[in-house]
Amino acid sequence: MQTLTIIRGLPGSGKSTLAWGVNHLNLIKGKPSAWFEADMYFINSSGEYEYRKEDIAKAHRWCQDQIRLSMKAEIDHVIVSNTGCERWEIEPYFEMAKQYNYKVQIITCQAEFGSIHNVPTESYNRMRARFEPELVIH
């Protein structure tokens, strides 16, 4: 069965590194795989990260669209890595998995490596305060 892996956690917890590794391992094994995260939306044509707070909703819609397209293409392993602090933030991915008959796996990263995107302390603390550590798949 095809799998959707949702990798979630606070900024700097290792989400992108883990997602890259899982995707890369799948590709080495010859298994079709795709990985997306909202931060990818902010990569400019020179390969530099340029975050724009006003575009965060667009970034998440873009990410959801990429996941949906990957599922429509029947990619074996689809990976999404975003903070997903609260269930409502990842609910669209559960709905897509149900629609396209993907098994869902959730991985919560809890390490503290430090954010490469310089997330302000105030923003980080707000995310931490609302972070739901346990999410149940239904």
N, C-alpha and C. Protein backbone atom coordinates (compact mmCIF):
# COMPACT_ATOMS: atom_id res chain seq x y z
N MET A 1 0.84 -1.19 0.00
CA MET A 1 0.00 0.00 0.00
C MET A 1 0.88 1.25 0.00
N GLN A 2 0.42 2.26 -0.68
CA GLN A 2 1.16 3.52 -0.72
C GLN A 2 1.07 4.22 0.63
N THR A 3 2.12 4.97 0.95
CA THR A 3 2.24 5.58 2.27
C THR A 3 2.43 7.09 2.19
N LEU A 4 1.74 7.79 3.08
CA LEU A 4 1.97 9.21 3.32
C LEU A 4 2.64 9.30 4.68
N THR A 5 3.84 9.83 4.71
CA THR A 5 4.53 10.06 5.98
C THR A 5 4.44 11.55 6.30
N ILE A 6 3.88 11.84 7.46
CA ILE A 6 3.77 13.22 7.94
C ILE A 6 4.85 13.39 9.01
N ILE A 7 5.81 14.26 8.74
CA ILE A 7 6.87 14.54 9.70
C ILE A 7 6.60 15.93 10.28
N ARG A 8 6.44 15.99 11.58
CA ARG A 8 6.05 17.23 12.23
C ARG A 8 6.95 17.50 13.42
N GLY A 9 6.99 18.76 13.84
CA GLY A 9 7.79 19.15 14.98
C GLY A 9 8.07 20.64 14.95
N LEU A 10 8.59 21.13 16.02
CA LEU A 10 8.91 22.56 16.13
C LEU A 10 10.08 22.91 15.22
N PRO A 11 10.26 24.19 14.91
CA PRO A 11 11.40 24.59 14.10
C PRO A 11 12.72 24.12 14.73
N GLY A 12 13.58 23.59 13.90
CA GLY A 12 14.88 23.14 14.38
C GLY A 12 14.88 21.75 14.99
N SER A 13 13.78 21.01 14.83
CA SER A 13 13.69 19.68 15.44
C SER A 13 14.22 18.56 14.56
N GLY A 14 14.59 18.88 13.32
CA GLY A 14 15.15 17.87 12.43
C GLY A 14 14.20 17.34 11.37
N LYS A 15 13.06 18.00 11.18
CA LYS A 15 12.06 17.54 10.22
C LYS A 15 12.62 17.43 8.81
N SER A 16 13.21 18.50 8.32
CA SER A 16 13.71 18.52 6.94
C SER A 16 14.83 17.50 6.73
N THR A 17 15.71 17.39 7.70
CA THR A 17 16.81 16.43 7.59
C THR A 17 16.28 15.00 7.52
N LEU A 18 15.33 14.68 8.39
CA LEU A 18 14.73 13.35 8.37
C LEU A 18 13.99 13.10 7.06
N ALA A 19 13.19 14.07 6.63
CA ALA A 19 12.42 13.91 5.39
C ALA A 19 13.36 13.71 4.20
N TRP A 20 14.42 14.50 4.13
CA TRP A 20 15.39 14.35 3.05
C TRP A 20 15.97 12.93 3.06
N GLY A 21 16.33 12.45 4.24
CA GLY A 21 16.92 11.12 4.36
C GLY A 21 15.97 10.01 3.93
N VAL A 22 14.72 10.08 4.38
CA VAL A 22 13.73 9.07 4.00
C VAL A 22 13.50 9.10 2.49
N ASN A 23 13.34 10.28 1.93
CA ASN A 23 13.12 10.42 0.49
C ASN A 23 14.32 9.88 -0.28
N HIS A 24 15.51 10.26 0.14
CA HIS A 24 16.74 9.84 -0.54
C HIS A 24 16.90 8.31 -0.47
N LEU A 25 16.64 7.72 0.67
CA LEU A 25 16.75 6.27 0.82
C LEU A 25 15.76 5.55 -0.10
N ASN A 26 14.53 6.06 -0.17
CA ASN A 26 13.54 5.47 -1.09
C ASN A 26 14.05 5.50 -2.53
N LEU A 27 14.58 6.66 -2.93
CA LEU A 27 15.05 6.80 -4.32
C LEU A 27 16.23 5.88 -4.60
N ILE A 28 17.14 5.73 -3.62
CA ILE A 28 18.28 4.82 -3.79
C ILE A 28 17.77 3.39 -3.98
N LYS A 29 16.72 3.04 -3.26
CA LYS A 29 16.15 1.69 -3.36
C LYS A 29 15.29 1.52 -4.61
N GLY A 30 15.14 2.59 -5.40
CA GLY A 30 14.34 2.52 -6.62
C GLY A 30 12.85 2.63 -6.39
N LYS A 31 12.46 3.13 -5.23
CA LYS A 31 11.04 3.30 -4.91
C LYS A 31 10.62 4.73 -5.22
N PRO A 32 9.56 4.91 -6.00
CA PRO A 32 9.08 6.27 -6.27
C PRO A 32 8.73 6.99 -4.97
N SER A 33 9.24 8.19 -4.81
CA SER A 33 9.08 8.95 -3.57
C SER A 33 9.02 10.43 -3.89
N ALA A 34 8.28 11.17 -3.08
CA ALA A 34 8.21 12.63 -3.24
C ALA A 34 8.16 13.26 -1.86
N TRP A 35 8.83 14.39 -1.70
CA TRP A 35 8.87 15.09 -0.42
C TRP A 35 8.63 16.57 -0.65
N PHE A 36 7.74 17.13 0.18
CA PHE A 36 7.44 18.56 0.11
C PHE A 36 7.25 19.12 1.51
N GLU A 37 7.54 20.41 1.63
CA GLU A 37 7.25 21.16 2.85
C GLU A 37 6.99 22.60 2.44
N ALA A 38 6.22 23.30 3.26
CA ALA A 38 5.85 24.68 2.94
C ALA A 38 7.07 25.57 2.75
N ASP A 39 8.16 25.32 3.48
CA ASP A 39 9.37 26.14 3.34
C ASP A 39 9.93 26.12 1.91
N MET A 40 9.67 25.06 1.17
CA MET A 40 10.17 24.98 -0.21
C MET A 40 9.60 26.09 -1.08
N TYR A 41 8.41 26.56 -0.74
CA TYR A 41 7.76 27.64 -1.49
C TYR A 41 8.60 28.91 -1.47
N PHE A 42 9.39 29.07 -0.41
CA PHE A 42 10.16 30.30 -0.23
C PHE A 42 11.58 30.23 -0.79
N ILE A 43 11.90 29.18 -1.52
CA ILE A 43 13.22 29.08 -2.15
C ILE A 43 13.16 29.84 -3.48
N ASN A 44 14.03 30.83 -3.63
CA ASN A 44 14.01 31.64 -4.85
C ASN A 44 14.78 30.94 -5.98
N SER A 45 14.83 31.56 -7.14
CA SER A 45 15.48 30.96 -8.31
C SER A 45 16.99 30.78 -8.13
N SER A 46 17.57 31.46 -7.16
CA SER A 46 19.00 31.31 -6.86
C SER A 46 19.25 30.24 -5.80
N GLY A 47 18.16 29.61 -5.32
CA GLY A 47 18.29 28.57 -4.31
C GLY A 47 18.37 29.09 -2.89
N GLU A 48 18.07 30.37 -2.70
CA GLU A 48 18.13 30.98 -1.37
C GLU A 48 16.73 31.02 -0.75
N TYR A 49 16.68 30.90 0.57
CA TYR A 49 15.42 30.94 1.31
C TYR A 49 15.04 32.39 1.58
N GLU A 50 13.85 32.77 1.13
CA GLU A 50 13.35 34.14 1.34
C GLU A 50 11.94 34.07 1.91
N TYR A 51 11.83 33.96 3.22
CA TYR A 51 10.53 33.86 3.88
C TYR A 51 9.78 35.19 3.81
N ARG A 52 8.49 35.08 3.50
CA ARG A 52 7.60 36.23 3.47
C ARG A 52 6.36 35.87 4.29
N LYS A 53 6.25 36.45 5.47
CA LYS A 53 5.15 36.12 6.38
C LYS A 53 3.80 36.21 5.70
N GLU A 54 3.62 37.19 4.85
CA GLU A 54 2.33 37.39 4.19
C GLU A 54 1.97 36.26 3.22
N ASP A 55 2.94 35.42 2.86
CA ASP A 55 2.69 34.33 1.91
C ASP A 55 2.60 32.95 2.56
N ILE A 56 2.53 32.89 3.89
CA ILE A 56 2.54 31.59 4.56
C ILE A 56 1.33 30.74 4.17
N ALA A 57 0.15 31.34 4.03
CA ALA A 57 -1.03 30.57 3.62
C ALA A 57 -0.84 30.02 2.21
N LYS A 58 -0.27 30.83 1.32
CA LYS A 58 0.01 30.37 -0.06
C LYS A 58 1.00 29.21 -0.04
N ALA A 59 1.99 29.30 0.83
CA ALA A 59 3.00 28.25 0.92
C ALA A 59 2.37 26.93 1.35
N HIS A 60 1.46 26.98 2.30
CA HIS A 60 0.80 25.75 2.75
C HIS A 60 -0.16 25.20 1.70
N ARG A 61 -0.84 26.07 0.97
CA ARG A 61 -1.70 25.61 -0.14
C ARG A 61 -0.84 24.95 -1.22
N TRP A 62 0.30 25.58 -1.55
CA TRP A 62 1.23 25.01 -2.54
C TRP A 62 1.68 23.62 -2.10
N CYS A 63 2.05 23.48 -0.84
CA CYS A 63 2.51 22.21 -0.30
C CYS A 63 1.40 21.15 -0.43
N GLN A 64 0.20 21.51 -0.03
CA GLN A 64 -0.93 20.58 -0.15
C GLN A 64 -1.17 20.20 -1.60
N ASP A 65 -1.07 21.16 -2.51
CA ASP A 65 -1.24 20.85 -3.94
C ASP A 65 -0.19 19.87 -4.43
N GLN A 66 1.06 20.04 -3.99
CA GLN A 66 2.13 19.12 -4.41
C GLN A 66 1.89 17.71 -3.88
N ILE A 67 1.42 17.62 -2.65
CA ILE A 67 1.12 16.30 -2.07
C ILE A 67 -0.03 15.66 -2.84
N ARG A 68 -1.07 16.44 -3.12
CA ARG A 68 -2.23 15.92 -3.87
C ARG A 68 -1.79 15.43 -5.25
N LEU A 69 -0.98 16.21 -5.95
CA LEU A 69 -0.51 15.80 -7.28
C LEU A 69 0.32 14.52 -7.20
N SER A 70 1.13 14.40 -6.15
CA SER A 70 1.94 13.19 -5.97
C SER A 70 1.07 11.97 -5.74
N MET A 71 0.00 12.15 -4.97
CA MET A 71 -0.92 11.04 -4.72
C MET A 71 -1.69 10.68 -5.98
N LYS A 72 -2.12 11.69 -6.73
CA LYS A 72 -2.81 11.42 -7.99
C LYS A 72 -1.92 10.64 -8.95
N ALA A 73 -0.63 10.92 -8.89
CA ALA A 73 0.35 10.23 -9.75
C ALA A 73 0.71 8.85 -9.18
N GLU A 74 0.11 8.51 -8.03
CA GLU A 74 0.31 7.21 -7.38
C GLU A 74 1.76 6.94 -6.99
N ILE A 75 2.44 7.98 -6.53
CA ILE A 75 3.81 7.83 -6.03
C ILE A 75 3.75 6.94 -4.78
N ASP A 76 4.63 5.96 -4.69
CA ASP A 76 4.58 5.00 -3.59
C ASP A 76 4.69 5.62 -2.21
N HIS A 77 5.64 6.52 -2.03
CA HIS A 77 5.87 7.10 -0.71
C HIS A 77 5.89 8.63 -0.84
N VAL A 78 4.92 9.27 -0.23
CA VAL A 78 4.81 10.73 -0.25
C VAL A 78 5.11 11.22 1.17
N ILE A 79 5.96 12.23 1.26
CA ILE A 79 6.42 12.74 2.55
C ILE A 79 6.12 14.23 2.63
N VAL A 80 5.54 14.64 3.74
CA VAL A 80 5.32 16.06 4.00
C VAL A 80 5.95 16.38 5.36
N SER A 81 6.73 17.46 5.40
CA SER A 81 7.34 17.86 6.68
C SER A 81 7.05 19.33 6.92
N ASN A 82 6.20 19.57 7.90
CA ASN A 82 5.83 20.92 8.34
C ASN A 82 5.68 20.87 9.86
N THR A 83 5.56 22.02 10.49
CA THR A 83 5.47 22.03 11.94
C THR A 83 4.25 21.24 12.43
N GLY A 84 3.09 21.44 11.84
CA GLY A 84 1.91 20.68 12.24
C GLY A 84 1.67 20.71 13.74
N CYS A 85 1.70 21.90 14.31
CA CYS A 85 1.56 22.04 15.77
C CYS A 85 0.24 21.50 16.27
N GLU A 86 -0.84 21.77 15.53
CA GLU A 86 -2.17 21.33 15.94
C GLU A 86 -2.77 20.46 14.84
N ARG A 87 -3.68 19.59 15.25
CA ARG A 87 -4.27 18.62 14.32
C ARG A 87 -4.85 19.30 13.07
N TRP A 88 -5.54 20.43 13.24
CA TRP A 88 -6.18 21.07 12.10
C TRP A 88 -5.17 21.41 10.99
N GLU A 89 -3.91 21.61 11.37
CA GLU A 89 -2.89 21.97 10.38
C GLU A 89 -2.51 20.80 9.47
N ILE A 90 -2.70 19.59 9.95
CA ILE A 90 -2.37 18.43 9.11
C ILE A 90 -3.60 17.67 8.65
N GLU A 91 -4.77 18.10 9.08
CA GLU A 91 -6.02 17.45 8.69
C GLU A 91 -6.17 17.33 7.17
N PRO A 92 -5.81 18.36 6.38
CA PRO A 92 -5.95 18.20 4.92
C PRO A 92 -5.16 17.00 4.37
N TYR A 93 -4.04 16.68 5.00
CA TYR A 93 -3.24 15.54 4.55
C TYR A 93 -3.93 14.22 4.89
N PHE A 94 -4.60 14.16 6.05
CA PHE A 94 -5.38 12.97 6.40
C PHE A 94 -6.49 12.76 5.37
N GLU A 95 -7.16 13.85 5.02
CA GLU A 95 -8.26 13.77 4.04
C GLU A 95 -7.76 13.28 2.68
N MET A 96 -6.62 13.80 2.24
CA MET A 96 -6.05 13.36 0.96
C MET A 96 -5.68 11.88 1.02
N ALA A 97 -5.08 11.47 2.12
CA ALA A 97 -4.68 10.06 2.26
C ALA A 97 -5.91 9.15 2.17
N LYS A 98 -6.98 9.57 2.79
CA LYS A 98 -8.22 8.80 2.74
C LYS A 98 -8.75 8.75 1.30
N GLN A 99 -8.76 9.91 0.65
CA GLN A 99 -9.28 10.00 -0.71
C GLN A 99 -8.49 9.13 -1.70
N TYR A 100 -7.17 9.10 -1.54
CA TYR A 100 -6.31 8.38 -2.49
C TYR A 100 -5.83 7.03 -1.97
N ASN A 101 -6.40 6.60 -0.83
CA ASN A 101 -6.12 5.29 -0.25
C ASN A 101 -4.64 5.11 0.11
N TYR A 102 -4.09 6.10 0.83
CA TYR A 102 -2.73 6.03 1.34
C TYR A 102 -2.75 5.70 2.82
N LYS A 103 -1.86 4.84 3.24
CA LYS A 103 -1.66 4.58 4.67
C LYS A 103 -0.92 5.81 5.24
N VAL A 104 -1.27 6.22 6.46
CA VAL A 104 -0.64 7.40 7.07
C VAL A 104 0.30 6.96 8.20
N GLN A 105 1.48 7.55 8.18
CA GLN A 105 2.46 7.36 9.23
C GLN A 105 2.81 8.76 9.74
N ILE A 106 2.79 8.96 11.06
CA ILE A 106 3.15 10.26 11.64
C ILE A 106 4.44 10.08 12.44
N ILE A 107 5.39 10.97 12.18
CA ILE A 107 6.63 11.01 12.95
C ILE A 107 6.73 12.40 13.56
N THR A 108 6.88 12.46 14.88
CA THR A 108 7.04 13.74 15.56
C THR A 108 8.50 13.89 15.98
N CYS A 109 9.16 14.90 15.43
CA CYS A 109 10.56 15.18 15.78
C CYS A 109 10.57 16.06 17.03
N GLN A 110 11.43 15.71 17.99
CA GLN A 110 11.45 16.44 19.25
C GLN A 110 12.83 16.97 19.62
N ALA A 111 13.79 16.83 18.74
CA ALA A 111 15.14 17.33 19.03
C ALA A 111 15.15 18.85 18.98
N GLU A 112 16.23 19.45 19.43
CA GLU A 112 16.37 20.91 19.40
C GLU A 112 17.74 21.25 18.83
N PHE A 113 17.81 21.27 17.48
CA PHE A 113 19.06 21.57 16.80
C PHE A 113 19.24 23.05 16.52
N GLY A 114 18.15 23.82 16.61
CA GLY A 114 18.18 25.24 16.27
C GLY A 114 17.70 25.44 14.85
N SER A 115 16.86 26.41 14.66
CA SER A 115 16.25 26.65 13.35
C SER A 115 17.24 27.27 12.37
N ILE A 116 17.31 26.71 11.18
CA ILE A 116 18.16 27.29 10.13
C ILE A 116 17.50 28.51 9.50
N HIS A 117 16.21 28.72 9.81
CA HIS A 117 15.47 29.84 9.22
C HIS A 117 15.32 31.01 10.18
N ASN A 118 16.06 30.99 11.27
CA ASN A 118 16.06 32.10 12.22
C ASN A 118 14.66 32.48 12.69
N VAL A 119 13.91 31.48 13.10
CA VAL A 119 12.56 31.74 13.63
C VAL A 119 12.70 32.55 14.91
N PRO A 120 12.02 33.69 14.99
CA PRO A 120 12.12 34.52 16.21
C PRO A 120 11.67 33.75 17.45
N THR A 121 12.31 34.01 18.56
CA THR A 121 12.02 33.32 19.82
C THR A 121 10.55 33.43 20.18
N GLU A 122 9.97 34.60 19.99
CA GLU A 122 8.56 34.82 20.32
C GLU A 122 7.66 33.88 19.49
N SER A 123 7.95 33.75 18.19
CA SER A 123 7.17 32.86 17.32
C SER A 123 7.35 31.40 17.74
N TYR A 124 8.59 31.04 18.02
CA TYR A 124 8.89 29.67 18.45
C TYR A 124 8.12 29.34 19.74
N ASN A 125 8.12 30.25 20.69
CA ASN A 125 7.43 30.02 21.96
C ASN A 125 5.92 29.88 21.78
N ARG A 126 5.34 30.65 20.85
CA ARG A 126 3.91 30.52 20.56
C ARG A 126 3.62 29.14 19.98
N MET A 127 4.48 28.68 19.06
CA MET A 127 4.29 27.35 18.48
C MET A 127 4.42 26.27 19.55
N ARG A 128 5.42 26.41 20.40
CA ARG A 128 5.64 25.42 21.46
C ARG A 128 4.42 25.35 22.39
N ALA A 129 3.82 26.50 22.71
CA ALA A 129 2.68 26.54 23.62
C ALA A 129 1.46 25.82 23.05
N ARG A 130 1.29 25.83 21.74
CA ARG A 130 0.11 25.20 21.15
C ARG A 130 0.40 23.83 20.52
N PHE A 131 1.63 23.36 20.64
CA PHE A 131 2.02 22.09 20.03
C PHE A 131 1.32 20.92 20.72
N GLU A 132 0.64 20.10 19.93
CA GLU A 132 -0.03 18.90 20.43
C GLU A 132 0.93 17.73 20.21
N PRO A 133 1.56 17.23 21.28
CA PRO A 133 2.60 16.20 21.10
C PRO A 133 2.06 14.88 20.55
N GLU A 134 0.84 14.51 20.88
CA GLU A 134 0.28 13.24 20.42
C GLU A 134 -0.89 13.49 19.48
N LEU A 135 -0.80 12.96 18.28
CA LEU A 135 -1.91 13.03 17.35
C LEU A 135 -2.32 11.61 16.99
N VAL A 136 -3.60 11.37 16.98
CA VAL A 136 -4.12 10.04 16.67
C VAL A 136 -4.65 10.05 15.25
N ILE A 137 -4.31 9.02 14.51
CA ILE A 137 -4.83 8.85 13.15
C ILE A 137 -6.20 8.21 13.27
N HIS A 138 -7.18 8.80 12.59
CA HIS A 138 -8.49 8.14 12.55
C HIS A 138 -9.00 8.01 11.15
